[in-house]
Amino acid sequence: MIGLLFYIGRTRIKEIDKVVYGFEFPNDSIFALGLRVPNYGGAFLWKWSAKRSGLEGKIEHFDKRFRWPFIAVFLLMIFGILMMIFAGIFEKYYLDTG
């Protein structure tokens, strides 16, 4: 997922920033990308999320080939969070720590 974030950050995020904010951020850190990429991924995946984050009319002209890395990172993030929750539940209730 980190590799995909680097790929998006170096190739695609600047195009979205130009459309959404009117300019591109000169120095993006991996932490800033980690916050913005899932936000854009959710907006690309669901109209409700795009409307909620104020990106509804601004991201309509990006094609599916452009959108897929953002959606992949978003879904991988959701999957990772669910796996961490399940691992915590499994450890608490099913492993004998006696």
N, C-alpha and C. Protein backbone atom coordinates (compact mmCIF):
# COMPACT_ATOMS: atom_id res chain seq x y z
N MET A 1 0.82 -1.18 0.00
CA MET A 1 0.00 0.00 0.00
C MET A 1 0.87 1.26 0.00
N ILE A 2 2.00 1.20 0.69
CA ILE A 2 2.91 2.36 0.70
C ILE A 2 3.44 2.62 -0.70
N GLY A 3 3.77 1.56 -1.44
CA GLY A 3 4.24 1.73 -2.81
C GLY A 3 3.19 2.37 -3.69
N LEU A 4 1.95 1.97 -3.51
CA LEU A 4 0.86 2.55 -4.28
C LEU A 4 0.67 4.02 -3.92
N LEU A 5 0.86 4.36 -2.65
CA LEU A 5 0.80 5.77 -2.24
C LEU A 5 1.89 6.59 -2.91
N PHE A 6 3.11 6.04 -2.97
CA PHE A 6 4.19 6.75 -3.65
C PHE A 6 3.88 6.94 -5.14
N TYR A 7 3.34 5.90 -5.77
CA TYR A 7 2.99 5.98 -7.19
C TYR A 7 1.94 7.07 -7.42
N ILE A 8 0.91 7.08 -6.59
CA ILE A 8 -0.15 8.08 -6.73
C ILE A 8 0.41 9.47 -6.46
N GLY A 9 1.23 9.58 -5.43
CA GLY A 9 1.76 10.88 -5.05
C GLY A 9 2.65 11.51 -6.09
N ARG A 10 3.35 10.69 -6.83
CA ARG A 10 4.26 11.24 -7.84
C ARG A 10 3.61 11.43 -9.19
N THR A 11 2.48 10.80 -9.44
CA THR A 11 1.90 10.88 -10.78
C THR A 11 0.52 11.53 -10.83
N ARG A 12 -0.36 11.21 -9.90
CA ARG A 12 -1.76 11.56 -10.09
C ARG A 12 -2.33 12.58 -9.12
N ILE A 13 -1.81 12.66 -7.93
CA ILE A 13 -2.43 13.53 -6.93
C ILE A 13 -2.33 15.00 -7.31
N LYS A 14 -1.28 15.36 -8.01
CA LYS A 14 -1.10 16.77 -8.38
C LYS A 14 -2.16 17.22 -9.39
N GLU A 15 -2.60 16.29 -10.25
CA GLU A 15 -3.66 16.64 -11.20
C GLU A 15 -4.99 16.90 -10.48
N ILE A 16 -5.28 16.09 -9.47
CA ILE A 16 -6.52 16.30 -8.71
C ILE A 16 -6.43 17.59 -7.91
N ASP A 17 -5.27 17.85 -7.31
CA ASP A 17 -5.11 19.08 -6.53
C ASP A 17 -5.32 20.32 -7.39
N LYS A 18 -4.86 20.26 -8.64
CA LYS A 18 -5.07 21.41 -9.55
C LYS A 18 -6.55 21.65 -9.80
N VAL A 19 -7.32 20.56 -9.92
CA VAL A 19 -8.75 20.70 -10.18
C VAL A 19 -9.50 21.11 -8.92
N VAL A 20 -9.18 20.48 -7.79
CA VAL A 20 -9.92 20.71 -6.56
C VAL A 20 -9.56 22.04 -5.91
N TYR A 21 -8.26 22.29 -5.76
CA TYR A 21 -7.81 23.48 -5.03
C TYR A 21 -7.36 24.63 -5.94
N GLY A 22 -7.09 24.33 -7.19
CA GLY A 22 -6.63 25.36 -8.12
C GLY A 22 -5.12 25.47 -8.20
N PHE A 23 -4.41 24.73 -7.39
CA PHE A 23 -2.94 24.72 -7.41
C PHE A 23 -2.48 23.37 -6.91
N GLU A 24 -1.20 23.08 -7.10
CA GLU A 24 -0.66 21.82 -6.58
C GLU A 24 0.25 22.12 -5.39
N PHE A 25 0.26 21.20 -4.45
CA PHE A 25 1.10 21.36 -3.27
C PHE A 25 2.54 21.05 -3.65
N PRO A 26 3.48 21.95 -3.37
CA PRO A 26 4.85 21.76 -3.85
C PRO A 26 5.58 20.59 -3.18
N ASN A 27 5.40 20.39 -1.89
CA ASN A 27 6.13 19.34 -1.17
C ASN A 27 5.13 18.47 -0.43
N ASP A 28 4.84 17.33 -0.99
CA ASP A 28 3.93 16.40 -0.34
C ASP A 28 4.72 15.36 0.43
N SER A 29 4.38 15.17 1.68
CA SER A 29 4.98 14.10 2.46
C SER A 29 4.09 12.86 2.36
N ILE A 30 4.60 11.74 2.77
CA ILE A 30 3.81 10.50 2.73
C ILE A 30 2.64 10.61 3.71
N PHE A 31 2.79 11.41 4.76
CA PHE A 31 1.71 11.57 5.73
C PHE A 31 0.56 12.39 5.14
N ALA A 32 0.89 13.43 4.39
CA ALA A 32 -0.16 14.22 3.74
C ALA A 32 -0.86 13.39 2.68
N LEU A 33 -0.10 12.58 1.95
CA LEU A 33 -0.72 11.70 0.95
C LEU A 33 -1.60 10.66 1.63
N GLY A 34 -1.16 10.17 2.78
CA GLY A 34 -1.94 9.18 3.52
C GLY A 34 -3.29 9.71 3.98
N LEU A 35 -3.40 11.01 4.09
CA LEU A 35 -4.68 11.61 4.45
C LEU A 35 -5.54 11.94 3.24
N ARG A 36 -4.92 12.43 2.18
CA ARG A 36 -5.68 12.89 1.02
C ARG A 36 -6.11 11.75 0.09
N VAL A 37 -5.25 10.76 -0.10
CA VAL A 37 -5.56 9.69 -1.06
C VAL A 37 -6.80 8.90 -0.66
N PRO A 38 -6.96 8.45 0.60
CA PRO A 38 -8.22 7.76 0.94
C PRO A 38 -9.45 8.66 0.82
N ASN A 39 -9.28 9.95 1.08
CA ASN A 39 -10.40 10.88 0.90
C ASN A 39 -10.83 10.91 -0.56
N TYR A 40 -9.88 11.02 -1.47
CA TYR A 40 -10.21 11.01 -2.89
C TYR A 40 -10.73 9.63 -3.32
N GLY A 41 -10.17 8.57 -2.75
CA GLY A 41 -10.63 7.22 -3.10
C GLY A 41 -12.09 7.01 -2.73
N GLY A 42 -12.46 7.47 -1.55
CA GLY A 42 -13.86 7.37 -1.15
C GLY A 42 -14.76 8.19 -2.04
N ALA A 43 -14.28 9.37 -2.43
CA ALA A 43 -15.07 10.22 -3.32
C ALA A 43 -15.21 9.60 -4.70
N PHE A 44 -14.15 8.95 -5.18
CA PHE A 44 -14.24 8.28 -6.49
C PHE A 44 -15.14 7.05 -6.44
N LEU A 45 -15.24 6.41 -5.28
CA LEU A 45 -16.01 5.19 -5.16
C LEU A 45 -17.50 5.44 -4.97
N TRP A 46 -17.86 6.43 -4.14
CA TRP A 46 -19.26 6.70 -3.83
C TRP A 46 -19.60 8.15 -4.05
N LYS A 47 -20.72 8.39 -4.66
CA LYS A 47 -21.20 9.77 -4.86
C LYS A 47 -21.49 10.44 -3.51
N TRP A 48 -21.99 9.66 -2.55
CA TRP A 48 -22.29 10.20 -1.22
C TRP A 48 -21.03 10.77 -0.58
N SER A 49 -19.94 10.05 -0.67
CA SER A 49 -18.68 10.52 -0.09
C SER A 49 -18.16 11.76 -0.83
N ALA A 50 -18.33 11.80 -2.13
CA ALA A 50 -17.92 12.97 -2.90
C ALA A 50 -18.74 14.19 -2.50
N LYS A 51 -20.03 13.99 -2.31
CA LYS A 51 -20.89 15.09 -1.91
C LYS A 51 -20.54 15.55 -0.50
N ARG A 52 -20.27 14.62 0.37
CA ARG A 52 -19.93 14.92 1.76
C ARG A 52 -18.62 15.69 1.89
N SER A 53 -17.64 15.35 1.06
CA SER A 53 -16.34 16.02 1.14
C SER A 53 -16.22 17.23 0.23
N GLY A 54 -17.28 17.58 -0.49
CA GLY A 54 -17.27 18.77 -1.33
C GLY A 54 -16.57 18.58 -2.67
N LEU A 55 -16.43 17.35 -3.12
CA LEU A 55 -15.73 17.06 -4.38
C LEU A 55 -16.67 16.61 -5.48
N GLU A 56 -17.96 16.76 -5.27
CA GLU A 56 -18.95 16.17 -6.19
C GLU A 56 -18.81 16.66 -7.63
N GLY A 57 -18.77 17.92 -7.87
CA GLY A 57 -18.70 18.41 -9.24
C GLY A 57 -17.29 18.52 -9.77
N LYS A 58 -16.29 18.39 -8.91
CA LYS A 58 -14.92 18.63 -9.31
C LYS A 58 -14.20 17.40 -9.85
N ILE A 59 -14.67 16.21 -9.52
CA ILE A 59 -13.93 15.00 -9.90
C ILE A 59 -14.63 14.19 -10.98
N GLU A 60 -15.65 14.74 -11.58
CA GLU A 60 -16.43 14.00 -12.55
C GLU A 60 -15.67 13.69 -13.85
N HIS A 61 -14.71 14.51 -14.22
CA HIS A 61 -14.07 14.32 -15.53
C HIS A 61 -12.88 13.35 -15.51
N PHE A 62 -12.54 12.78 -14.36
CA PHE A 62 -11.46 11.80 -14.31
C PHE A 62 -11.98 10.43 -14.72
N ASP A 63 -11.25 9.74 -15.60
CA ASP A 63 -11.71 8.45 -16.10
C ASP A 63 -11.40 7.32 -15.12
N LYS A 64 -11.91 6.11 -15.43
CA LYS A 64 -11.74 4.97 -14.54
C LYS A 64 -10.29 4.54 -14.39
N ARG A 65 -9.53 4.66 -15.44
CA ARG A 65 -8.11 4.29 -15.37
C ARG A 65 -7.36 5.21 -14.41
N PHE A 66 -7.76 6.45 -14.34
CA PHE A 66 -7.15 7.40 -13.42
C PHE A 66 -7.58 7.13 -11.98
N ARG A 67 -8.82 6.67 -11.80
CA ARG A 67 -9.41 6.50 -10.47
C ARG A 67 -8.98 5.24 -9.74
N TRP A 68 -8.62 4.17 -10.45
CA TRP A 68 -8.44 2.87 -9.80
C TRP A 68 -7.39 2.84 -8.71
N PRO A 69 -6.24 3.53 -8.79
CA PRO A 69 -5.30 3.45 -7.67
C PRO A 69 -5.86 4.08 -6.39
N PHE A 70 -6.63 5.14 -6.52
CA PHE A 70 -7.22 5.77 -5.34
C PHE A 70 -8.23 4.84 -4.68
N ILE A 71 -9.04 4.20 -5.50
CA ILE A 71 -10.03 3.26 -4.96
C ILE A 71 -9.34 2.05 -4.34
N ALA A 72 -8.26 1.57 -4.95
CA ALA A 72 -7.52 0.43 -4.40
C ALA A 72 -6.93 0.77 -3.04
N VAL A 73 -6.33 1.93 -2.90
CA VAL A 73 -5.77 2.34 -1.61
C VAL A 73 -6.86 2.48 -0.56
N PHE A 74 -7.99 3.05 -0.95
CA PHE A 74 -9.10 3.21 -0.02
C PHE A 74 -9.60 1.86 0.47
N LEU A 75 -9.81 0.92 -0.44
CA LEU A 75 -10.30 -0.40 -0.05
C LEU A 75 -9.27 -1.18 0.74
N LEU A 76 -7.99 -1.06 0.39
CA LEU A 76 -6.94 -1.71 1.18
C LEU A 76 -6.87 -1.14 2.59
N MET A 77 -7.08 0.15 2.73
CA MET A 77 -7.08 0.76 4.05
C MET A 77 -8.24 0.23 4.90
N ILE A 78 -9.42 0.16 4.32
CA ILE A 78 -10.59 -0.37 5.03
C ILE A 78 -10.35 -1.83 5.41
N PHE A 79 -9.81 -2.62 4.49
CA PHE A 79 -9.51 -4.02 4.76
C PHE A 79 -8.49 -4.15 5.89
N GLY A 80 -7.45 -3.33 5.88
CA GLY A 80 -6.43 -3.38 6.92
C GLY A 80 -6.98 -3.03 8.29
N ILE A 81 -7.85 -2.02 8.34
CA ILE A 81 -8.46 -1.65 9.62
C ILE A 81 -9.35 -2.77 10.14
N LEU A 82 -10.13 -3.38 9.27
CA LEU A 82 -10.97 -4.51 9.69
C LEU A 82 -10.13 -5.69 10.17
N MET A 83 -9.03 -5.97 9.51
CA MET A 83 -8.16 -7.07 9.94
C MET A 83 -7.53 -6.78 11.30
N MET A 84 -7.18 -5.54 11.56
CA MET A 84 -6.64 -5.18 12.88
C MET A 84 -7.69 -5.36 13.97
N ILE A 85 -8.92 -4.98 13.68
CA ILE A 85 -10.01 -5.15 14.65
C ILE A 85 -10.26 -6.62 14.91
N PHE A 86 -10.33 -7.42 13.84
CA PHE A 86 -10.54 -8.87 14.00
C PHE A 86 -9.39 -9.53 14.75
N ALA A 87 -8.17 -9.09 14.49
CA ALA A 87 -7.02 -9.65 15.20
C ALA A 87 -7.08 -9.31 16.69
N GLY A 88 -7.50 -8.11 17.02
CA GLY A 88 -7.64 -7.73 18.43
C GLY A 88 -8.72 -8.53 19.12
N ILE A 89 -9.86 -8.73 18.45
CA ILE A 89 -10.94 -9.53 19.01
C ILE A 89 -10.49 -10.98 19.18
N PHE A 90 -9.82 -11.51 18.16
CA PHE A 90 -9.34 -12.88 18.22
C PHE A 90 -8.36 -13.06 19.38
N GLU A 91 -7.45 -12.12 19.53
CA GLU A 91 -6.46 -12.23 20.60
C GLU A 91 -7.12 -12.13 21.97
N LYS A 92 -8.09 -11.26 22.12
CA LYS A 92 -8.72 -11.05 23.42
C LYS A 92 -9.58 -12.24 23.83
N TYR A 93 -10.33 -12.81 22.90
CA TYR A 93 -11.31 -13.82 23.28
C TYR A 93 -10.92 -15.27 22.96
N TYR A 94 -10.02 -15.49 22.02
CA TYR A 94 -9.77 -16.85 21.58
C TYR A 94 -8.37 -17.36 21.89
N LEU A 95 -7.46 -16.53 22.26
CA LEU A 95 -6.11 -17.00 22.61
C LEU A 95 -5.99 -17.11 24.12
N ASP A 96 -5.43 -18.22 24.54
CA ASP A 96 -5.24 -18.45 25.97
C ASP A 96 -3.97 -17.74 26.42
N THR A 97 -4.11 -16.69 27.17
CA THR A 97 -2.93 -15.92 27.61
C THR A 97 -2.61 -16.25 29.07
N GLY A 98 -3.13 -17.34 29.59
CA GLY A 98 -3.00 -17.71 30.98
C GLY A 98 -1.64 -18.09 31.37
